[in-house]
Protein backbone atom coordinates (compact mmCIF):
# COMPACT_ATOMS: atom_id res chain seq x y z
CA UNK A 1 12.15 -0.75 -21.52
CA UNK A 2 8.52 -1.32 -20.60
CA UNK A 3 7.27 -4.10 -18.36
CA UNK A 4 5.48 -5.58 -21.38
CA UNK A 5 8.79 -5.96 -23.22
CA UNK A 6 10.48 -7.35 -20.12
CA UNK A 7 7.84 -10.06 -19.90
CA UNK A 8 9.13 -11.52 -23.17
CA UNK A 9 12.63 -12.00 -21.74
CA UNK A 10 11.66 -14.95 -19.49
CA UNK A 11 13.47 -17.47 -21.71
CA UNK A 12 16.63 -15.36 -21.83
CA UNK A 13 16.88 -15.08 -18.00
CA UNK A 14 15.37 -18.27 -16.52
CA UNK A 15 17.00 -17.65 -13.11
CA UNK A 16 14.92 -14.49 -12.61
CA UNK A 17 11.47 -14.79 -11.04
CA UNK A 18 9.98 -12.59 -13.74
CA UNK A 19 6.39 -12.40 -12.42
CA UNK A 20 7.73 -11.21 -9.05
CA UNK A 21 10.14 -8.76 -10.70
CA UNK A 22 7.38 -7.31 -12.87
CA UNK A 23 5.11 -6.90 -9.83
CA UNK A 24 7.91 -5.01 -8.09
CA UNK A 25 8.50 -2.72 -11.07
CA UNK A 26 4.79 -2.00 -11.48
CA UNK A 27 4.43 -1.56 -7.72
CA UNK A 28 7.19 1.05 -7.65
CA UNK A 29 5.71 2.82 -10.70
CA UNK A 30 2.32 3.02 -8.97
CA UNK A 31 3.87 4.04 -5.64
CA UNK A 32 5.70 6.99 -7.23
CA UNK A 33 2.34 8.74 -7.64
CA UNK A 34 0.06 7.21 -4.99
CA UNK A 35 2.52 6.45 -2.19
CA UNK A 36 5.65 8.56 -2.59
CA UNK A 37 6.87 7.71 0.93
CA UNK A 38 6.80 4.03 -0.02
CA UNK A 39 8.56 4.64 -3.33
CA UNK A 40 11.36 6.45 -1.47
CA UNK A 41 12.08 3.40 0.72
CA UNK A 42 14.88 1.08 -0.38
CA UNK A 43 14.27 -2.65 -0.12
CA UNK A 44 10.48 -2.44 0.13
CA UNK A 45 8.63 -5.43 -1.32
CA UNK A 46 5.48 -4.24 -3.02
CA UNK A 47 2.21 -6.21 -2.88
CA UNK A 48 0.63 -7.55 -6.08
CA UNK A 49 -0.34 -5.01 -8.71
CA UNK A 50 -4.09 -5.21 -8.05
CA UNK A 51 -3.56 -4.35 -4.38
CA UNK A 52 -1.46 -1.34 -5.36
CA UNK A 53 -4.13 -0.12 -7.76
CA UNK A 54 -6.90 -0.48 -5.17
CA UNK A 55 -5.11 1.16 -2.26
CA UNK A 56 -5.77 4.73 -1.24
CA UNK A 57 -3.21 7.39 -1.99
CA UNK A 58 -1.23 8.95 0.86
CA UNK A 59 -3.34 12.10 0.57
CA UNK A 60 -6.59 10.12 0.79
CA UNK A 61 -5.28 8.05 3.71
CA UNK A 62 -4.37 11.24 5.59
CA UNK A 63 -7.83 12.67 4.93
CA UNK A 64 -9.47 9.49 6.23
CA UNK A 65 -7.25 9.56 9.33
CA UNK A 66 -8.18 13.19 9.98
CA UNK A 67 -11.89 12.43 9.65
CA UNK A 68 -11.56 9.44 11.99
CA UNK A 69 -9.69 11.58 14.54
CA UNK A 70 -12.50 14.15 14.48
CA UNK A 71 -15.14 11.44 14.89
CA UNK A 72 -13.46 9.83 17.87
CA UNK A 73 -10.98 12.27 19.39
CA UNK A 74 -10.91 10.52 22.76
CA UNK A 75 -8.79 7.42 22.85
CA UNK A 76 -7.31 5.32 25.59
CA UNK A 77 -3.65 5.66 26.49
CA UNK A 78 -2.86 2.80 24.12
CA UNK A 79 -4.53 4.60 21.18
CA UNK A 80 -7.68 2.49 21.04
CA UNK A 81 -11.03 4.30 20.80
CA UNK A 82 -13.33 4.51 23.81
CA UNK A 83 -16.97 3.65 24.24
CA UNK A 84 -19.40 2.85 21.48
CA UNK A 85 -16.84 3.13 18.69
CA UNK A 86 -14.61 0.59 20.37
CA UNK A 87 -17.51 -1.80 20.73
CA UNK A 88 -18.40 -1.32 17.05
CA UNK A 89 -14.84 -1.71 15.80
CA UNK A 90 -13.76 -4.57 18.02
CA UNK A 91 -17.18 -6.20 18.54
CA UNK A 92 -16.76 -6.06 22.31
């Protein structure tokens, strides 16, 4: 059954928070492709559908993390960047 068809069942199941349930179903459907590690987690509460559509995929997030690591390879012991990048990121 599609989420569109489920939306019409609100009157039949008034005890179910249908907007929330539909967001969770659509969130999981989006996560299967974009965020497979999220989709594999039981009990995860997905953000609203628009946020899921606008988020980067796991592959893109890893690429961005790799680029950031190459741009600022030196970090403090606590993982925060040193020098000019720290001042730019944290407005210090």
